[in-house]
Structure formats: C-alpha cells, structure tokens
Protein backbone atom coordinates (compact mmCIF):
# COMPACT_ATOMS: atom_id res chain seq x y z
CA MET A 1 25.88 25.85 17.84
CA ASN A 2 27.25 28.77 16.05
CA ALA A 3 24.37 30.34 13.81
CA HIS A 4 26.70 32.24 11.63
CA ALA A 5 28.20 28.78 10.04
CA THR A 6 26.29 28.80 6.31
CA SER A 7 26.39 25.57 4.63
CA GLU A 8 29.07 26.73 2.22
CA ALA A 9 31.18 27.73 5.44
CA LEU A 10 30.86 24.24 6.99
CA VAL A 11 33.55 21.98 7.91
CA ALA A 12 32.48 18.21 8.44
CA VAL A 13 34.69 15.04 9.50
CA VAL A 14 32.67 11.96 8.37
CA THR A 15 34.36 8.57 9.91
CA GLY A 16 34.05 5.42 7.45
CA ALA A 17 33.51 7.04 4.68
CA SER A 18 34.49 4.23 1.85
CA ARG A 19 31.21 3.02 1.25
CA GLY A 20 27.53 2.57 2.90
CA ILE A 21 26.26 5.32 5.15
CA GLY A 22 29.47 7.00 5.99
CA LYS A 23 29.78 7.40 1.96
CA GLY A 24 26.26 8.55 1.77
CA VAL A 25 26.68 11.31 4.39
CA ALA A 26 29.66 12.74 2.80
CA LEU A 27 27.94 13.12 -0.29
CA ALA A 28 25.10 14.79 1.36
CA LEU A 29 26.81 17.14 3.08
CA GLY A 30 28.79 17.76 -0.31
CA ALA A 31 25.46 18.80 -2.01
CA VAL A 32 25.36 21.60 0.35
CA GLY A 33 29.03 22.67 -0.31
CA ALA A 34 30.57 21.75 2.51
CA THR A 35 34.19 20.59 3.23
CA VAL A 36 34.09 17.16 4.52
CA TYR A 37 36.76 15.21 5.54
CA VAL A 38 36.41 11.67 4.57
CA THR A 39 38.58 8.79 6.61
CA GLY A 40 38.83 5.03 6.21
CA ARG A 41 41.53 2.29 4.89
CA PRO A 42 41.48 2.00 1.32
CA ARG A 43 41.58 -1.99 2.52
CA GLU A 44 39.76 -3.27 5.09
CA ALA A 45 39.98 -6.42 7.22
CA GLY A 46 38.35 -9.07 4.70
CA GLY A 47 39.17 -6.99 1.47
CA ALA A 48 35.44 -5.38 1.86
CA ALA A 49 36.37 -2.05 0.48
CA PRO A 50 38.31 -1.79 -2.82
CA PRO A 51 41.04 -0.11 -3.42
CA GLY A 52 40.95 3.78 -4.46
CA ALA A 53 37.09 3.78 -2.88
CA LEU A 54 38.29 6.69 -0.08
CA GLN A 55 39.35 8.53 -2.84
CA GLU A 56 36.50 8.02 -4.74
CA THR A 57 34.15 9.43 -2.05
CA ALA A 58 35.73 12.53 -1.89
CA GLU A 59 36.00 12.62 -5.80
CA ALA A 60 32.17 12.13 -5.38
CA VAL A 61 31.46 14.68 -2.58
CA THR A 62 33.74 17.35 -4.75
CA ALA A 63 31.34 16.60 -7.92
CA ALA A 64 28.40 16.96 -5.88
CA GLY A 65 29.31 20.84 -4.97
CA GLY A 66 31.27 20.38 -1.86
CA ARG A 67 35.55 19.91 -1.45
CA GLY A 68 36.30 16.20 -0.36
CA ILE A 69 39.57 15.35 1.37
CA ALA A 70 40.08 11.91 1.63
CA VAL A 71 42.43 11.18 4.83
CA GLY A 72 43.73 7.37 4.86
CA CYS A 73 42.96 6.95 8.64
CA ASP A 74 42.77 3.46 10.97
CA HIS A 75 40.03 4.28 13.56
CA SER A 76 42.08 1.96 15.80
CA ASP A 77 45.00 3.74 15.76
CA ASP A 78 45.17 7.05 18.23
CA ALA A 79 47.96 8.42 16.66
CA GLN A 80 46.35 8.37 13.53
CA VAL A 81 43.33 10.00 14.25
CA LEU A 82 45.44 12.42 16.08
CA ALA A 83 46.72 13.26 12.36
CA LEU A 84 43.46 13.58 11.21
CA PHE A 85 41.86 16.59 13.50
CA SER A 86 45.81 18.09 13.52
CA ARG A 87 45.00 18.39 9.71
CA VAL A 88 42.15 19.59 9.71
CA GLY A 89 43.20 22.23 12.42
CA GLU A 90 46.18 23.25 10.18
CA GLU A 91 43.99 23.22 7.05
CA SER A 92 40.55 24.65 8.11
CA GLY A 93 40.72 26.27 11.55
CA ARG A 94 37.75 24.99 12.47
CA LEU A 95 35.11 22.04 12.66
CA ASP A 96 31.28 22.15 12.24
CA ILE A 97 30.46 18.48 12.46
CA LEU A 98 31.40 15.13 13.24
CA VAL A 99 29.86 11.64 12.08
CA ASN A 100 31.01 9.05 14.48
CA ASN A 101 30.41 6.38 11.33
CA ALA A 102 33.58 3.70 11.56
CA THR A 103 33.14 0.41 12.62
CA ALA A 104 34.64 -2.74 12.24
CA LEU A 105 32.79 -5.79 11.50
CA PRO A 106 34.97 -9.03 11.39
CA GLU A 107 32.52 -11.88 9.44
CA SER A 108 32.78 -13.65 12.67
CA LEU A 109 29.72 -11.22 13.92
CA PHE A 110 27.18 -12.65 11.53
CA SER A 111 27.83 -16.41 12.27
CA PRO A 112 25.24 -18.04 13.79
CA GLU A 113 27.18 -19.42 16.94
CA PRO A 114 26.10 -18.05 20.83
CA PHE A 115 28.51 -15.67 21.80
CA TRP A 116 30.99 -18.01 23.69
CA GLN A 117 31.68 -20.31 20.35
CA LYS A 118 32.76 -17.14 18.64
CA PRO A 119 36.32 -15.80 18.66
CA LEU A 120 37.17 -13.00 19.91
CA ASP A 121 37.60 -10.77 17.44
CA VAL A 122 34.13 -9.93 17.42
CA LEU A 123 35.24 -7.46 20.20
CA ALA A 124 36.53 -5.10 17.27
CA VAL A 125 32.93 -3.70 16.95
CA LEU A 126 33.84 -2.04 20.38
CA ASP A 127 37.20 -1.05 19.66
CA VAL A 128 36.74 0.69 16.01
CA GLY A 129 32.91 1.82 16.72
CA LEU A 130 32.80 2.36 20.35
CA ARG A 131 36.17 3.24 21.85
CA SER A 132 37.42 5.41 18.21
CA HIS A 133 34.37 6.83 18.61
CA TYR A 134 34.92 8.59 22.06
CA VAL A 135 38.16 8.90 20.54
CA ALA A 136 37.73 10.94 17.47
CA SER A 137 34.88 13.11 19.61
CA ALA A 138 37.67 13.79 22.60
CA LEU A 139 39.61 15.53 19.59
CA ALA A 140 36.63 17.10 17.70
CA ALA A 141 35.07 18.85 20.85
CA PRO A 142 38.23 21.27 21.42
CA PHE A 143 37.10 22.79 17.84
CA MET A 144 33.60 23.10 18.85
CA VAL A 145 33.76 24.35 22.34
CA ARG A 146 36.57 27.30 21.37
CA GLN A 147 33.78 28.47 18.34
CA ARG A 148 30.91 27.63 20.75
CA GLY A 149 29.36 25.40 18.34
CA GLY A 150 29.48 22.22 16.52
CA LEU A 151 27.27 18.63 16.24
CA ILE A 152 29.02 15.60 17.07
CA VAL A 153 26.16 12.37 15.53
CA ASN A 154 27.07 9.06 16.54
CA VAL A 155 25.83 6.56 14.06
CA SER A 156 24.20 3.46 15.95
CA ALA A 157 21.15 1.75 15.27
CA TYR A 158 18.21 -0.06 16.84
CA GLY A 159 20.70 -3.14 17.72
CA SER A 160 20.99 -1.11 21.20
CA VAL A 161 17.51 -2.22 22.35
CA ASN A 162 16.72 -4.72 19.71
CA TYR A 163 18.76 -8.59 19.81
CA LEU A 164 21.02 -8.46 16.44
CA TYR A 165 24.35 -9.89 16.11
CA GLY A 166 25.02 -11.31 19.68
CA PRO A 167 26.36 -9.18 23.02
CA ALA A 168 28.85 -7.45 21.36
CA TYR A 169 27.11 -5.65 18.55
CA GLY A 170 24.66 -4.80 20.84
CA ALA A 171 26.96 -3.39 23.61
CA GLY A 172 28.78 -1.17 21.48
CA LYS A 173 25.40 0.40 19.95
CA ALA A 174 23.93 0.26 23.40
CA GLY A 175 27.33 2.29 24.28
CA LEU A 176 26.34 4.85 21.78
CA ASP A 177 23.62 5.78 22.84
CA LYS A 178 25.08 6.50 26.51
CA MET A 179 28.27 8.25 25.32
CA ALA A 180 25.98 11.26 23.55
CA ALA A 181 23.93 11.32 26.03
CA ASP A 182 27.16 12.33 28.41
CA MET A 183 28.97 14.10 26.19
CA ALA A 184 25.94 16.35 25.81
CA VAL A 185 26.18 16.72 29.40
CA GLU A 186 29.56 18.08 29.57
CA LEU A 187 28.79 19.84 26.16
CA ARG A 188 25.81 22.25 26.70
CA PRO A 189 27.68 24.68 28.09
CA HIS A 190 29.14 25.40 25.16
CA ASP A 191 26.48 25.21 23.11
CA VAL A 192 27.64 22.12 21.47
CA VAL A 193 25.04 19.13 20.15
CA ALA A 194 25.83 14.93 20.52
CA VAL A 195 23.16 12.62 19.63
CA SER A 196 23.58 9.15 18.64
CA LEU A 197 21.48 8.01 15.40
CA TRP A 198 19.40 5.36 14.33
CA PRO A 199 19.33 5.00 10.12
CA GLY A 200 16.47 2.25 9.30
CA LEU A 201 17.49 -0.49 6.89
CA VAL A 202 20.10 1.27 4.38
CA ALA A 203 20.55 0.33 0.98
CA THR A 204 24.30 -0.10 1.39
CA GLU A 205 26.82 -2.36 -0.31
CA ARG A 206 26.88 -5.28 2.17
CA TYR A 207 22.58 -4.66 2.19
CA THR A 208 22.92 -5.36 -1.99
CA ARG A 209 25.38 -8.60 -1.74
CA LEU A 210 22.77 -9.64 1.12
CA VAL A 211 19.76 -9.24 -1.06
CA GLU A 212 21.18 -10.77 -3.98
CA ASP A 213 22.16 -13.87 -2.54
CA ASN A 214 18.70 -14.09 -0.69
CA PRO A 215 16.39 -12.45 -1.79
CA HIS A 216 14.43 -12.81 1.45
CA ALA A 217 16.84 -12.31 3.55
CA PHE A 218 15.15 -9.07 5.00
CA PRO A 219 10.92 -8.63 6.10
CA PRO A 220 9.17 -7.37 3.24
CA GLU A 221 7.53 -4.63 5.66
CA LEU A 222 11.41 -3.55 5.93
CA ARG A 223 11.96 -0.35 2.81
CA PRO A 224 15.02 0.23 2.65
CA GLU A 225 16.38 3.92 2.44
CA SER A 226 19.92 5.35 0.84
CA PRO A 227 22.76 6.14 2.51
CA GLU A 228 22.11 9.78 1.65
CA TYR A 229 19.41 10.31 3.81
CA THR A 230 21.30 10.03 7.03
CA GLY A 231 23.66 12.80 5.72
CA ARG A 232 20.68 14.90 4.53
CA VAL A 233 19.03 14.63 8.15
CA VAL A 234 22.32 15.71 9.58
CA HIS A 235 22.63 18.56 7.96
CA ALA A 236 18.74 19.45 8.73
CA LEU A 237 19.73 18.86 12.63
CA PHE A 238 23.02 21.05 12.15
CA ARG A 239 20.47 24.01 10.77
CA ASP A 240 17.64 24.09 13.65
CA PRO A 241 18.07 27.03 15.62
CA ALA A 242 16.39 24.22 18.28
CA ARG A 243 18.52 21.64 18.57
CA MET A 244 19.80 21.80 21.81
CA THR A 245 16.47 20.57 22.66
CA LEU A 246 18.14 17.70 21.15
CA SER A 247 21.40 17.14 22.59
CA GLY A 248 22.09 13.77 24.26
CA GLN A 249 18.90 12.28 22.97
CA THR A 250 19.06 8.79 20.70
CA LEU A 251 16.92 9.56 17.83
CA ILE A 252 15.43 7.93 15.12
CA GLY A 253 16.71 8.97 11.69
CA ALA A 254 13.23 8.50 9.84
CA GLU A 255 11.30 10.56 12.89
CA LEU A 256 13.85 13.15 12.66
CA GLY A 257 13.92 13.31 8.93
CA ARG A 258 10.06 13.93 9.24
CA ARG A 259 10.39 16.57 11.65
CA TYR A 260 12.33 18.49 9.74
CA GLY A 261 10.67 17.36 6.31
CA VAL A 262 13.52 15.99 4.96
CA SER A 263 12.81 13.70 1.50
CA ASP A 264 14.98 10.63 0.30
CA VAL A 265 16.96 10.35 -2.93
CA GLN A 266 13.82 9.08 -4.81
CA GLY A 267 11.56 10.69 -2.98
CA GLY A 268 9.47 10.03 -0.16
CA GLN A 269 10.40 9.38 3.97
CA PRO A 270 11.37 6.29 5.19
CA PRO A 271 9.59 5.10 7.95
CA SER A 272 10.27 4.47 11.47
CA TYR A 273 10.34 0.75 12.82
CA ARG A 274 9.55 1.77 16.33
CA GLU A 275 7.01 -0.44 16.98
CA LEU A 276 8.68 -3.47 15.24
CA LEU A 277 12.00 -2.85 16.30
CA GLY A 278 11.93 -0.89 19.33
CA ALA A 279 12.50 2.23 21.18
CA PRO A 280 15.61 4.28 22.32
CA TRP A 281 15.65 4.44 26.11
CA THR A 282 14.08 7.78 27.86
CA LYS A 283 17.07 9.82 28.97
CA PRO A 284 17.92 10.91 32.23
CA SER A 285 16.72 13.85 33.82
CA ARG A 286 19.68 15.49 35.11
CA GLN A 287 21.79 17.79 32.82
CA THR A 288 24.59 19.02 34.65
CA PRO A 289 28.06 17.44 35.69
CA ASP A 290 28.88 17.73 38.95
C-alpha cells in the first residue's frame, strides 16, 4: 500500500452509508480528513432509510473534518456502480480505501420460518451484499493496482460461521470472507490489501429499534459498539506498515482494534465474541495464483 498517502490525502468509497455501520465508517474516515464518497439509495425497500439520509451522512463527514460526497447508487444496478467509480476517477484520480458495506435485508429474512417456506426475495442479500461487493471491488481494483496501494474491506459478520437468519444470510457472509481471501491472492503482487471484517454487536438504528421493542432482544453479555468503531479500525489497518501480513484474512474488528489500540467513541475497547459466536476459518496457505 502506498506509504505516501497521508490521512489528509485519503480518498475512500463507503457503500451503503445512509445509516448504520456504513455511516459510522464514513464519519470515522471523515474525522481523519479523508474525502469520502458515500453511496446508498435515498429510499430503500421497506422505507428503512428516510429521504435525505445519504446527503446528511455526507454533510456529517464534512462537519467531522473530511469531505463528504453523496452519490445515489443502487448497488443492484451495475451501470450505476460503474458511474460511481467513473466519477471517483474524474474528480479524485485515485482511490485508497473501499469499504463494501451495502446490503439488502428484506424483512422476510428475519422471519422464523425455515428457508423453504420463505419467499425467494431473501436472495436479495446475495445480490446486494455478495455480488455487489464483487462488482465494486472489480471497479476499485484498477485504481489501486495502478497506484500500487490500497485497501478493500468487506464488512462481513459472525453469521459467516454461526447460524443467523438462515442459509441465505450465512452463505452471503461466508462468501464475503472467501472472496476477500481470493482477491488478496491476485492483489498481493500489486501491494493491495483485501480483508473481510467482522464487527461485533453494533448500536445501529436497527439495533435501537429492536431494543426499544424488546429490551431482552440480545443476551446481556453482548455489549454494543458504535458504528464509528469499525471505521476507526479500518483507518488503523490502512496506516499499518505491516498491513500486507493480514491481507486475505477474515478479521474480528474488536481484536484488530486491540492490536492497534483503537478506542471506541465513548472510550474503552469492545469485546471479541470469538468464544461465544465462532472464529474465522483458517485461511489457506497457498498465496499465489496459477
């Protein structure tokens, strides 16, 4: 990764940044002076994101000290994603960090029925989540290969190895981990890092609603972390001169944060749930493509 890229010069794309983890990552990168292209749909399926939320994220990034640029983008539409990265090239000429966070979470995904009784719209989590992360990475990689440096982060989850919401969700998260491992093999000769990252329980808007409806929705041993924490960890990884040693790995955000001494917004460091929820698969030893 380009050691000459300073925090002030950073250019990042954070997908799915209208709210939640994506918004938190964008704010954290803005706080270190980065130019952050934030993507999302002003109105998402089910009306989950209010109108203007994406622009509000961009304005908050700017207020934090960076430069926030809102780009309306439906990540199920490849043409819109291509237009996004074309704009990044025209306006910034470089790209240092891509955080793949956009996803589709239809309400049917959270229903208690077994997968064979659920509507097939649950597969949206594979179209906008797994497939869209691949598309964004394929369009971001040429920037990073050309400048011989960059970081691609797939925001995954413990659901990669632990049952959560059924097989469509699990397959999507496991796919993100394997995708990062395989991308890393091909990116390594170009000094570009690719990882998959597992946040813990994150205090997003969805989390807040769930707790308000059911104060006992989550086990008491799960302590939520802020959405910004993931962004702080991503930035610390980018700044690590030895980051290439982690390329291809699936990393637990709390453990990576401890490695770098990253504190959460309210201080302290979130716990790892490795023992409770599972550990990443061991990466393969083969590190070169045919």
